[in-house]
Amino acid sequence: MHITADDLSGTVYIPDTSALIENPDVLDRLLMDGNVVVLLHQVIEELGRLQTSRAKSDGVRHAARNVTRKMLEYRRHDLIHHGVDRLLQHQVDAEAFRRTPTGGVLTWEPDGATADPYPSESGDNHILASARRIAEVARSNGRPHFQVVVVSEDSNLLLKCDALGIAAENLRYGKVSLDNVDEIYRGLVTGSIDESTLELFLTSGAPGERWLPLQAVQTAEPVEFLWNMGVVVECGEQTILGRVNADAGRVEDLRFAQYWDRKRSEYRPRPILGFTPRDAQQILAMEFLLDPEVQLVVLDGPAGSGKTRMMVATGLYMLIGQPTTWRVAPTSQPLTPEYGYDHGMLLLRPEHASSQYELGYLPGDYESKLSPWLEPFFQAVRSLSLANEHDFLDELQSTDRLTMVSTSMLRGLDIERSIVLVDELQNGDRHLAKTLMSRFCASSKVALAGCLDPVQIDNPYVDWRSNALTRIKETYKGFGPEVAQVRLVHNYRGPISTRADKL
């Protein structure tokens, strides 16, 4: 019995190194429903180099090892075949090509030169030549029902494929199924109420204990109210901020980031170590950062929106308190004085430079090597120290409550009774997301931050759909009372910085 078009899907996938590194499970996914997958020699070479490359992150090295192990497992079961050219030309029996458990056929690249006439210095050119040759074999059988598709996360390779008439596409498996970055969960909804409902809210309890039923909030479009979603309610010229309690089915008053000004009969944002939130998004972010019952807070927003400053300010407040004579506004429900994070503050940031130039060897001890990566945190600490006339950094270090962690040192680590601040998470990958989130114990408070603007993503192996920040946001969306997410929107650094958005 000869193989016919009905036996195979008619699609031949050629995954390049970037696609396999972005999601090692893609190999299993491509080998489904009669698809043919071709493993290129150049990809095997690149995977071998990446496994031991000191210039690449731990996540990239781990992914390369994972892909290689998958290939070895297929090899152990004799499921990688030679002779894909004969398969595409219908010259072999079906029994000669054993299917994988998911119904696909996995083959080695056909024998032959891979670089000519392309310069051999470029790995992309090896992949292009192989894909072009396989496509010609598929077309030479007289029944060109086979479509050869290169799967890559390398933008330059995709463009080269288009120029040579080779079908190519980005990796889709394992990414969020959204059309643009603005569709990612914002954590906030805007609605309106009438005056009678506003009066019902104001008389429902003391400040910090007030509430409204969810059905009382009128929104322009139907909204699924999720746990800890921020709600901005407008009634005429008055604006009320609340947070969703999904189990109770109501919008509840904020308890930590604002206070009720009895003289003006309005809510005012609460300053924390001299930092005063300036808009609804910042107030909500401060609310969740200060709430000990919220274990995970995820912030995303543009550069200058205050993510790092707020995380540091709230972290220092929960560890040290208010050390100066700054006046804290009165409230019927004071901030919790004892948060219990006696292991102190832990700082973490993915180690991806924002330029093509590597830092190279950094002298000094472990902390000296990590300090350049964590400088934005230290800058925020120094600024708050000056504003409060108190050396927060010295106090943390003298009491052994400051820990700096490299992304390559997370495995096997239990993070408990700590305040964990993670910045620039858009540069993390799938491996970092899973490793990081599996380290946190219930006794820790975790704040994650990053910017999903593609310009801010320095890691070449991820994009806005696949980076660690997006994965975590989508995975923990509406998770429960332990999680809150806020998207910040305004750049407050000043007109020069704001204008830079147009560059």
Protein backbone atom coordinates (compact mmCIF):
# COMPACT_ATOMS: atom_id res chain seq x y z
CA MET A 1 0.00 0.00 0.00
CA HIS A 2 1.46 3.34 -1.07
CA ILE A 3 1.06 6.57 0.85
CA THR A 4 -1.46 8.93 -0.70
CA ALA A 5 -2.55 12.46 0.03
CA ASP A 6 -5.27 11.05 2.26
CA ASP A 7 -2.71 9.41 4.56
CA LEU A 8 -0.87 12.64 5.38
CA SER A 9 -2.10 16.16 6.08
CA GLY A 10 -0.15 17.58 3.16
CA THR A 11 1.84 19.96 5.36
CA VAL A 12 5.59 19.70 5.89
CA TYR A 13 6.82 21.79 8.81
CA ILE A 14 10.44 22.88 9.14
CA PRO A 15 10.95 24.40 12.61
CA ASP A 16 14.03 26.54 13.06
CA THR A 17 16.02 26.95 16.27
CA SER A 18 14.19 30.07 17.47
CA ALA A 19 10.78 28.35 17.33
CA LEU A 20 12.01 25.30 19.24
CA ILE A 21 13.69 27.48 21.88
CA GLU A 22 10.62 29.69 22.35
CA ASN A 23 8.50 26.65 23.21
CA PRO A 24 10.16 23.19 23.33
CA ASP A 25 6.73 21.54 23.24
CA VAL A 26 6.18 22.81 19.70
CA LEU A 27 7.84 19.69 18.27
CA ASP A 28 5.11 17.51 19.78
CA ARG A 29 2.46 19.95 18.63
CA LEU A 30 3.62 20.04 15.00
CA LEU A 31 3.68 16.24 14.86
CA MET A 32 -0.11 15.95 14.86
CA ASP A 33 -2.76 14.81 12.40
CA GLY A 34 -0.50 13.48 9.69
CA ASN A 35 1.92 16.41 9.52
CA VAL A 36 5.51 15.80 8.39
CA VAL A 37 8.24 17.53 10.42
CA VAL A 38 11.80 17.79 9.11
CA LEU A 39 14.73 18.21 11.52
CA LEU A 40 17.51 20.23 9.93
CA HIS A 41 21.19 19.56 10.55
CA GLN A 42 21.81 23.28 11.10
CA VAL A 43 19.19 23.35 13.86
CA ILE A 44 20.86 20.40 15.62
CA GLU A 45 24.19 22.25 15.49
CA GLU A 46 22.70 25.44 16.91
CA LEU A 47 20.92 23.58 19.72
CA GLY A 48 24.22 22.02 20.70
CA ARG A 49 25.94 25.39 20.89
CA LEU A 50 23.12 26.98 22.86
CA GLN A 51 23.20 24.30 25.57
CA THR A 52 26.61 25.45 26.76
CA SER A 53 26.60 29.11 25.70
CA ARG A 54 27.50 31.46 28.55
CA ALA A 55 26.18 34.39 26.52
CA LYS A 56 22.61 33.04 26.65
CA SER A 57 20.21 33.02 29.57
CA ASP A 58 19.53 29.97 31.70
CA GLY A 59 16.09 29.74 30.11
CA VAL A 60 17.54 29.48 26.59
CA ARG A 61 20.06 26.83 27.66
CA HIS A 62 17.34 24.88 29.45
CA ALA A 63 15.05 25.04 26.40
CA ALA A 64 17.86 23.80 24.12
CA ARG A 65 18.48 20.84 26.43
CA ASN A 66 14.75 20.12 26.60
CA VAL A 67 14.38 20.05 22.81
CA THR A 68 17.41 17.78 22.46
CA ARG A 69 15.95 15.38 25.03
CA LYS A 70 12.69 15.25 23.07
CA MET A 71 14.59 14.41 19.90
CA LEU A 72 16.53 11.67 21.71
CA GLU A 73 13.28 10.21 23.01
CA TYR A 74 11.89 10.01 19.46
CA ARG A 75 15.19 8.48 18.34
CA ARG A 76 15.02 5.88 21.13
CA HIS A 77 11.68 4.68 19.76
CA ASP A 78 12.97 4.65 16.14
CA LEU A 79 10.56 7.41 15.14
CA ILE A 80 13.01 9.65 13.23
CA HIS A 81 13.33 8.54 9.62
CA HIS A 82 15.57 9.12 6.62
CA GLY A 83 14.27 9.57 3.11
CA VAL A 84 11.75 12.39 3.40
CA ASP A 85 12.31 13.05 -0.32
CA ARG A 86 11.00 9.56 -1.16
CA LEU A 87 8.07 10.09 1.20
CA LEU A 88 7.11 13.34 -0.50
CA GLN A 89 7.33 11.70 -3.92
CA HIS A 90 5.15 8.72 -2.87
CA GLN A 91 7.90 6.18 -3.50
CA VAL A 92 7.71 4.25 -0.20
CA ASP A 93 5.19 2.11 1.64
CA ALA A 94 3.38 3.52 4.63
CA GLU A 95 4.94 0.88 6.91
CA ALA A 96 8.40 2.32 6.22
CA PHE A 97 7.53 5.48 8.18
CA ARG A 98 6.23 4.82 11.66
CA ARG A 99 3.99 7.53 13.00
CA THR A 100 4.55 9.33 16.27
CA PRO A 101 1.91 8.85 19.00
CA THR A 102 0.18 12.03 17.79
CA GLY A 103 0.00 10.80 14.19
CA GLY A 104 2.84 12.73 12.56
CA VAL A 105 5.99 11.70 10.73
CA LEU A 106 9.37 12.93 11.97
CA THR A 107 12.28 12.86 9.51
CA TRP A 108 15.85 13.94 9.13
CA GLU A 109 16.89 16.50 6.57
CA PRO A 110 17.66 14.93 3.14
CA ASP A 111 21.30 14.36 2.29
CA GLY A 112 23.04 17.02 0.26
CA ALA A 113 24.73 20.38 0.46
CA THR A 114 22.85 22.88 2.57
CA ALA A 115 24.63 26.18 1.97
CA ASP A 116 25.31 26.49 -1.76
CA PRO A 117 24.76 29.04 -3.24
CA TYR A 118 24.23 30.91 0.03
CA PRO A 119 27.13 32.13 2.20
CA SER A 120 27.91 29.42 4.72
CA GLU A 121 28.67 31.92 7.51
CA SER A 122 24.96 32.44 8.16
CA GLY A 123 22.93 29.72 9.85
CA ASP A 124 19.77 31.26 8.39
CA ASN A 125 21.10 30.65 4.90
CA HIS A 126 21.64 26.96 5.68
CA ILE A 127 18.03 26.72 6.83
CA LEU A 128 16.78 28.61 3.76
CA ALA A 129 18.67 26.36 1.36
CA SER A 130 17.34 23.23 3.05
CA ALA A 131 13.77 24.51 3.03
CA ARG A 132 14.04 25.50 -0.61
CA ARG A 133 15.38 22.10 -1.61
CA ILE A 134 12.67 20.23 0.34
CA ALA A 135 10.01 22.42 -1.27
CA GLU A 136 11.39 21.58 -4.74
CA VAL A 137 11.27 17.87 -3.90
CA ALA A 138 7.66 18.23 -2.77
CA ARG A 139 6.75 19.97 -6.04
CA SER A 140 8.53 17.42 -8.22
CA ASN A 141 6.10 14.54 -7.58
CA GLY A 142 3.62 15.74 -10.19
CA ARG A 143 0.92 16.11 -7.55
CA PRO A 144 2.01 19.15 -5.53
CA HIS A 145 -0.33 18.70 -2.62
CA PHE A 146 2.49 19.05 -0.08
CA GLN A 147 3.01 22.53 1.35
CA VAL A 148 6.37 23.20 2.98
CA VAL A 149 6.20 25.74 5.82
CA VAL A 150 9.11 27.17 7.81
CA VAL A 151 8.16 27.91 11.44
CA SER A 152 10.36 30.60 12.97
CA GLU A 153 10.51 33.39 15.53
CA ASP A 154 13.36 35.05 13.60
CA SER A 155 11.96 38.08 11.78
CA ASN A 156 14.86 38.22 9.32
CA LEU A 157 14.42 34.57 8.39
CA LEU A 158 10.69 35.11 7.81
CA LEU A 159 11.46 38.01 5.46
CA LYS A 160 14.05 35.97 3.57
CA CYS A 161 11.53 33.16 3.15
CA ASP A 162 9.03 35.62 1.69
CA ALA A 163 11.64 36.94 -0.73
CA LEU A 164 12.41 33.40 -1.96
CA GLY A 165 8.77 32.33 -2.19
CA ILE A 166 8.98 29.88 0.73
CA ALA A 167 5.92 29.67 2.98
CA ALA A 168 6.81 30.76 6.52
CA GLU A 169 4.94 31.69 9.68
CA ASN A 170 5.49 32.63 13.29
CA LEU A 171 5.06 30.09 16.03
CA ARG A 172 1.46 30.13 17.22
CA TYR A 173 1.41 27.31 19.75
CA GLY A 174 1.86 28.37 23.37
CA LYS A 175 1.12 32.04 22.78
CA VAL A 176 -1.88 34.08 23.80
CA SER A 177 -4.50 34.17 21.07
CA LEU A 178 -4.88 37.94 20.89
CA ASP A 179 -4.59 40.26 17.91
CA ASN A 180 -2.79 43.13 19.63
CA VAL A 181 -1.21 44.04 22.94
CA ASP A 182 -4.10 46.32 23.93
CA GLU A 183 -6.33 43.25 24.34
CA ILE A 184 -4.27 41.92 27.26
CA TYR A 185 -6.10 42.13 30.60
CA ARG A 186 -6.00 45.63 32.09
CA GLY A 187 -7.49 44.89 35.49
CA LEU A 188 -9.81 47.89 35.44
CA VAL A 189 -13.32 48.75 34.25
CA THR A 190 -15.13 52.10 34.13
CA GLY A 191 -18.82 52.45 34.94
CA SER A 192 -21.42 54.89 36.20
CA ILE A 193 -24.12 55.09 38.87
CA ASP A 194 -26.96 57.47 39.61
CA GLU A 195 -27.17 59.78 42.63
CA SER A 196 -29.41 57.47 44.65
CA THR A 197 -26.92 54.61 44.19
CA LEU A 198 -24.05 56.92 45.21
CA GLU A 199 -25.94 57.81 48.38
CA LEU A 200 -26.52 54.10 49.01
CA PHE A 201 -22.77 53.53 48.73
CA LEU A 202 -21.84 56.41 51.06
CA THR A 203 -24.26 55.22 53.74
CA SER A 204 -23.39 51.53 53.47
CA GLY A 205 -20.69 51.74 56.12
CA ALA A 206 -17.65 53.58 57.43
CA PRO A 207 -14.91 54.64 54.96
CA GLY A 208 -13.00 51.54 53.91
CA GLU A 209 -16.06 49.34 54.51
CA ARG A 210 -18.48 50.73 51.95
CA TRP A 211 -19.77 48.66 49.06
CA LEU A 212 -22.13 48.40 46.10
CA PRO A 213 -23.72 45.38 44.41
CA LEU A 214 -22.07 44.63 41.05
CA GLN A 215 -25.36 44.95 39.20
CA ALA A 216 -25.62 48.58 40.32
CA VAL A 217 -22.60 49.53 38.17
CA GLN A 218 -23.61 50.45 34.63
CA THR A 219 -20.97 49.82 31.95
CA ALA A 220 -20.93 50.69 28.26
CA GLU A 221 -20.43 47.02 27.33
CA PRO A 222 -21.07 43.75 29.20
CA VAL A 223 -18.23 43.06 31.63
CA GLU A 224 -17.14 39.92 33.44
CA PHE A 225 -16.26 41.14 36.93
CA LEU A 226 -13.20 39.22 38.14
CA TRP A 227 -11.59 39.08 41.54
CA ASN A 228 -9.77 42.32 42.48
CA MET A 229 -10.68 44.05 39.24
CA GLY A 230 -10.46 47.78 39.79
CA VAL A 231 -13.71 49.71 39.26
CA VAL A 232 -13.87 53.43 38.50
CA VAL A 233 -17.44 54.58 39.12
CA GLU A 234 -18.56 58.04 38.01
CA CYS A 235 -21.58 59.98 39.21
CA GLY A 236 -21.68 63.46 37.79
CA GLU A 237 -18.41 65.13 38.80
CA GLN A 238 -17.71 62.65 41.60
CA THR A 239 -15.55 59.56 41.07
CA ILE A 240 -15.43 56.52 43.32
CA LEU A 241 -12.75 53.81 43.20
CA GLY A 242 -13.48 50.25 44.26
CA ARG A 243 -12.33 46.66 43.89
CA VAL A 244 -14.35 43.60 42.98
CA ASN A 245 -15.17 40.92 45.52
CA ALA A 246 -16.36 38.23 43.11
CA ASP A 247 -17.59 35.83 45.80
CA ALA A 248 -19.75 38.48 47.49
CA GLY A 249 -20.85 39.93 44.15
CA ARG A 250 -20.05 43.51 45.05
CA VAL A 251 -17.66 46.43 44.54
CA GLU A 252 -15.90 47.20 47.81
CA ASP A 253 -14.25 50.36 49.10
CA LEU A 254 -10.46 50.67 49.01
CA ARG A 255 -8.84 50.23 52.42
CA PHE A 256 -5.15 51.08 52.03
CA ALA A 257 -4.38 53.56 49.23
CA GLN A 258 -6.90 56.32 49.98
CA TYR A 259 -8.65 58.00 52.90
CA TRP A 260 -11.93 59.86 53.37
CA ASP A 261 -11.47 63.63 53.71
CA ARG A 262 -14.34 64.60 56.00
CA LYS A 263 -13.92 68.34 55.39
CA ARG A 264 -14.25 68.02 51.62
CA SER A 265 -16.46 64.90 51.73
CA GLU A 266 -14.30 63.12 49.18
CA TYR A 267 -11.64 60.43 48.88
CA ARG A 268 -7.98 61.48 48.74
CA PRO A 269 -4.95 59.34 47.75
CA ARG A 270 -2.75 58.32 50.65
CA PRO A 271 0.97 59.25 50.50
CA ILE A 272 3.35 56.38 51.26
CA LEU A 273 6.88 57.47 52.20
CA GLY A 274 6.17 60.74 50.39
CA PHE A 275 4.97 59.03 47.19
CA THR A 276 1.39 60.03 46.36
CA PRO A 277 -0.45 58.12 43.62
CA ARG A 278 -1.55 60.48 40.86
CA ASP A 279 -4.31 58.64 39.00
CA ALA A 280 -6.85 55.86 39.44
CA GLN A 281 -4.48 53.17 38.15
CA GLN A 282 -1.71 54.16 40.56
CA ILE A 283 -4.15 54.28 43.48
CA LEU A 284 -5.35 50.77 42.67
CA ALA A 285 -1.78 49.53 42.30
CA MET A 286 -0.87 50.96 45.72
CA GLU A 287 -4.03 49.41 47.22
CA PHE A 288 -3.07 45.91 46.14
CA LEU A 289 0.62 46.36 46.92
CA LEU A 290 -0.25 47.32 50.51
CA ASP A 291 -2.93 44.66 51.04
CA PRO A 292 -1.37 41.70 52.91
CA GLU A 293 -4.13 39.39 51.66
CA VAL A 294 -3.09 39.93 48.04
CA GLN A 295 -0.04 37.73 47.56
CA LEU A 296 0.63 38.47 43.88
CA VAL A 297 0.41 41.91 42.22
CA VAL A 298 1.17 42.22 38.50
CA LEU A 299 1.81 45.70 37.09
CA ASP A 300 2.35 46.56 33.46
CA GLY A 301 2.60 49.94 31.83
CA PRO A 302 4.85 52.28 29.86
CA ALA A 303 8.20 53.61 30.99
CA GLY A 304 7.76 56.33 33.59
CA SER A 305 4.40 55.09 34.86
CA GLY A 306 5.77 54.52 38.38
CA LYS A 307 5.91 50.73 38.53
CA THR A 308 9.35 50.43 40.14
CA ARG A 309 8.92 53.43 42.44
CA MET A 310 5.59 52.15 43.80
CA MET A 311 6.91 48.62 44.34
CA VAL A 312 9.92 49.94 46.26
CA ALA A 313 7.94 52.49 48.28
CA THR A 314 5.32 49.97 49.42
CA GLY A 315 7.97 47.33 50.05
CA LEU A 316 10.00 49.65 52.27
CA TYR A 317 6.86 50.78 54.09
CA MET A 318 5.81 47.21 54.86
CA LEU A 319 9.30 46.34 56.11
CA ILE A 320 10.32 49.53 57.92
CA GLY A 321 7.22 51.71 58.25
CA GLN A 322 7.19 55.52 58.24
CA PRO A 323 10.58 56.54 59.67
CA THR A 324 10.21 60.35 59.51
CA THR A 325 7.76 63.06 60.48
CA TRP A 326 5.77 62.74 57.25
CA ARG A 327 2.14 63.16 58.24
CA VAL A 328 0.00 60.12 57.50
CA ALA A 329 -3.61 61.02 56.82
CA PRO A 330 -6.10 59.79 59.44
CA THR A 331 -8.35 56.88 58.64
CA SER A 332 -10.96 54.82 60.40
CA GLN A 333 -8.96 51.70 59.50
CA PRO A 334 -5.18 52.23 59.93
CA LEU A 335 -2.67 50.42 57.79
CA THR A 336 -1.57 47.09 59.16
CA PRO A 337 1.61 47.76 61.23
CA GLU A 338 2.89 44.18 61.23
CA TYR A 339 3.15 42.53 57.83
CA GLY A 340 5.36 39.66 58.96
CA TYR A 341 7.87 39.66 56.09
CA ASP A 342 10.82 39.12 58.43
CA HIS A 343 13.08 37.67 55.71
CA GLY A 344 13.16 41.11 54.13
CA MET A 345 13.19 42.22 50.50
CA LEU A 346 14.29 40.13 47.54
CA LEU A 347 15.17 41.82 44.23
CA LEU A 348 15.16 40.12 40.84
CA ARG A 349 15.41 41.27 37.23
CA PRO A 350 15.91 39.24 34.01
CA GLU A 351 19.47 39.74 32.85
CA HIS A 352 18.98 41.05 29.32
CA ALA A 353 20.85 44.17 28.22
CA SER A 354 18.93 46.89 26.38
CA SER A 355 21.62 47.13 23.70
CA GLN A 356 23.69 44.78 21.58
CA TYR A 357 26.76 45.35 23.75
CA GLU A 358 27.41 42.78 26.47
CA LEU A 359 28.64 43.84 29.91
CA GLY A 360 31.29 41.15 29.76
CA TYR A 361 33.04 39.96 32.92
CA LEU A 362 31.97 41.87 36.02
CA PRO A 363 34.51 41.92 38.86
CA GLY A 364 33.68 41.59 42.52
CA ASP A 365 31.56 39.28 44.61
CA TYR A 366 28.09 37.92 43.83
CA GLU A 367 26.27 41.10 44.86
CA SER A 368 28.69 43.31 42.91
CA LYS A 369 28.00 41.35 39.76
CA LEU A 370 24.22 41.63 40.18
CA SER A 371 24.11 45.30 41.19
CA PRO A 372 24.27 46.75 37.62
CA TRP A 373 21.17 44.78 36.66
CA LEU A 374 19.28 45.95 39.76
CA GLU A 375 20.27 49.62 39.58
CA PRO A 376 16.69 50.85 38.91
CA PHE A 377 15.66 49.41 42.29
CA PHE A 378 18.58 51.05 44.07
CA GLN A 379 17.86 54.36 42.37
CA ALA A 380 14.29 54.27 43.71
CA VAL A 381 15.56 53.40 47.21
CA ARG A 382 18.03 56.32 47.15
CA SER A 383 15.32 58.73 45.99
CA LEU A 384 12.94 57.67 48.76
CA SER A 385 15.79 57.86 51.29
CA LEU A 386 16.45 61.49 50.36
CA ALA A 387 12.76 62.37 50.51
CA ASN A 388 12.39 60.80 53.96
CA GLU A 389 15.83 61.74 55.36
CA HIS A 390 16.42 58.09 56.18
CA ASP A 391 18.92 55.62 54.68
CA PHE A 392 16.65 52.72 53.81
CA LEU A 393 19.38 50.81 52.01
CA ASP A 394 21.71 50.95 54.99
CA GLU A 395 18.95 49.77 57.32
CA LEU A 396 18.07 46.83 55.08
CA GLN A 397 21.69 45.79 54.68
CA SER A 398 22.62 46.23 58.35
CA THR A 399 19.70 44.03 59.40
CA ASP A 400 20.41 41.47 56.66
CA ARG A 401 17.03 42.03 55.01
CA LEU A 402 18.10 42.67 51.42
CA THR A 403 18.71 39.80 49.00
CA MET A 404 19.65 40.01 45.32
CA VAL A 405 18.92 36.95 43.21
CA SER A 406 20.05 36.01 39.71
CA THR A 407 17.54 34.37 37.39
CA SER A 408 20.00 31.49 37.03
CA MET A 409 19.87 30.78 40.80
CA LEU A 410 16.14 30.18 41.23
CA ARG A 411 15.96 26.40 40.93
CA GLY A 412 15.41 24.69 44.28
CA LEU A 413 14.82 28.01 46.07
CA ASP A 414 11.96 28.44 48.55
CA ILE A 415 10.95 32.10 48.85
CA GLU A 416 9.04 32.59 52.10
CA ARG A 417 8.21 35.46 54.46
CA SER A 418 9.68 37.92 51.97
CA ILE A 419 8.67 40.86 49.81
CA VAL A 420 9.72 39.97 46.28
CA LEU A 421 10.12 42.67 43.62
CA VAL A 422 10.63 41.58 40.01
CA ASP A 423 11.07 44.19 37.28
CA GLU A 424 11.42 44.10 33.47
CA LEU A 425 9.63 40.76 33.34
CA GLN A 426 8.79 41.27 29.66
CA ASN A 427 12.35 40.05 28.98
CA GLY A 428 11.71 36.72 30.67
CA ASP A 429 10.73 33.59 28.79
CA ARG A 430 8.41 30.66 29.42
CA HIS A 431 11.05 28.82 31.43
CA LEU A 432 11.63 31.81 33.73
CA ALA A 433 7.89 32.33 34.23
CA LYS A 434 7.36 28.75 35.35
CA THR A 435 10.50 28.56 37.47
CA LEU A 436 9.86 31.92 39.14
CA MET A 437 6.19 31.40 39.99
CA SER A 438 6.83 27.95 41.44
CA ARG A 439 9.27 29.38 44.04
CA PHE A 440 6.84 31.51 46.05
CA CYS A 441 5.42 30.33 49.34
CA ALA A 442 2.08 31.57 50.72
CA SER A 443 3.90 33.69 53.32
CA SER A 444 5.52 35.96 50.69
CA LYS A 445 4.30 39.07 48.91
CA VAL A 446 5.23 39.19 45.21
CA ALA A 447 5.13 42.24 42.92
CA LEU A 448 5.88 41.72 39.22
CA ALA A 449 6.30 44.55 36.74
CA GLY A 450 7.15 45.12 33.11
CA CYS A 451 6.24 46.87 29.89
CA LEU A 452 4.61 45.02 26.98
CA ASP A 453 5.63 47.62 24.40
CA PRO A 454 7.60 45.61 21.78
CA VAL A 455 10.32 48.29 21.89
CA GLN A 456 10.95 47.41 25.56
CA ILE A 457 11.45 43.67 24.89
CA ASP A 458 15.21 43.05 24.65
CA ASN A 459 15.09 39.25 24.67
CA PRO A 460 15.24 38.11 20.99
CA TYR A 461 13.55 34.78 21.81
CA VAL A 462 10.23 36.23 22.99
CA ASP A 463 7.61 38.73 21.83
CA TRP A 464 4.60 40.39 23.48
CA ARG A 465 2.55 37.20 23.11
CA SER A 466 5.09 34.79 24.58
CA ASN A 467 7.16 36.64 27.21
CA ALA A 468 6.98 35.81 30.91
CA LEU A 469 4.88 38.86 31.83
CA THR A 470 2.14 38.09 29.29
CA ARG A 471 2.10 34.39 30.22
CA ILE A 472 1.70 35.20 33.92
CA LYS A 473 -0.97 37.84 33.29
CA GLU A 474 -3.08 35.47 31.21
CA THR A 475 -2.55 32.48 33.51
CA TYR A 476 -3.50 34.36 36.71
CA LYS A 477 -6.30 36.47 35.22
CA GLY A 478 -9.23 36.33 37.65
CA PHE A 479 -7.41 33.68 39.70
CA GLY A 480 -8.87 34.66 43.07
CA PRO A 481 -8.55 37.04 46.01
CA GLU A 482 -4.81 36.36 46.24
CA VAL A 483 -4.04 37.99 42.86
CA ALA A 484 -4.50 41.50 41.45
CA GLN A 485 -3.43 43.07 38.16
CA VAL A 486 -3.26 46.71 37.13
CA ARG A 487 -2.20 48.30 33.85
CA LEU A 488 -0.74 51.77 34.33
CA VAL A 489 -1.19 54.24 31.49
CA HIS A 490 0.58 57.58 32.09
CA ASN A 491 4.26 58.53 31.91
CA TYR A 492 4.97 60.95 34.78
CA ARG A 493 8.70 61.52 34.25
CA GLY A 494 8.09 64.80 32.44
CA PRO A 495 7.51 66.30 28.99
CA ILE A 496 10.89 65.20 27.60
CA SER A 497 10.25 61.58 28.53
CA THR A 498 6.65 61.70 27.33
CA ARG A 499 7.70 63.08 23.97
CA ALA A 500 10.10 60.16 23.57
CA ASP A 501 7.08 57.90 23.01
CA LYS A 502 6.89 59.38 19.51
CA LEU A 503 10.47 58.47 18.60
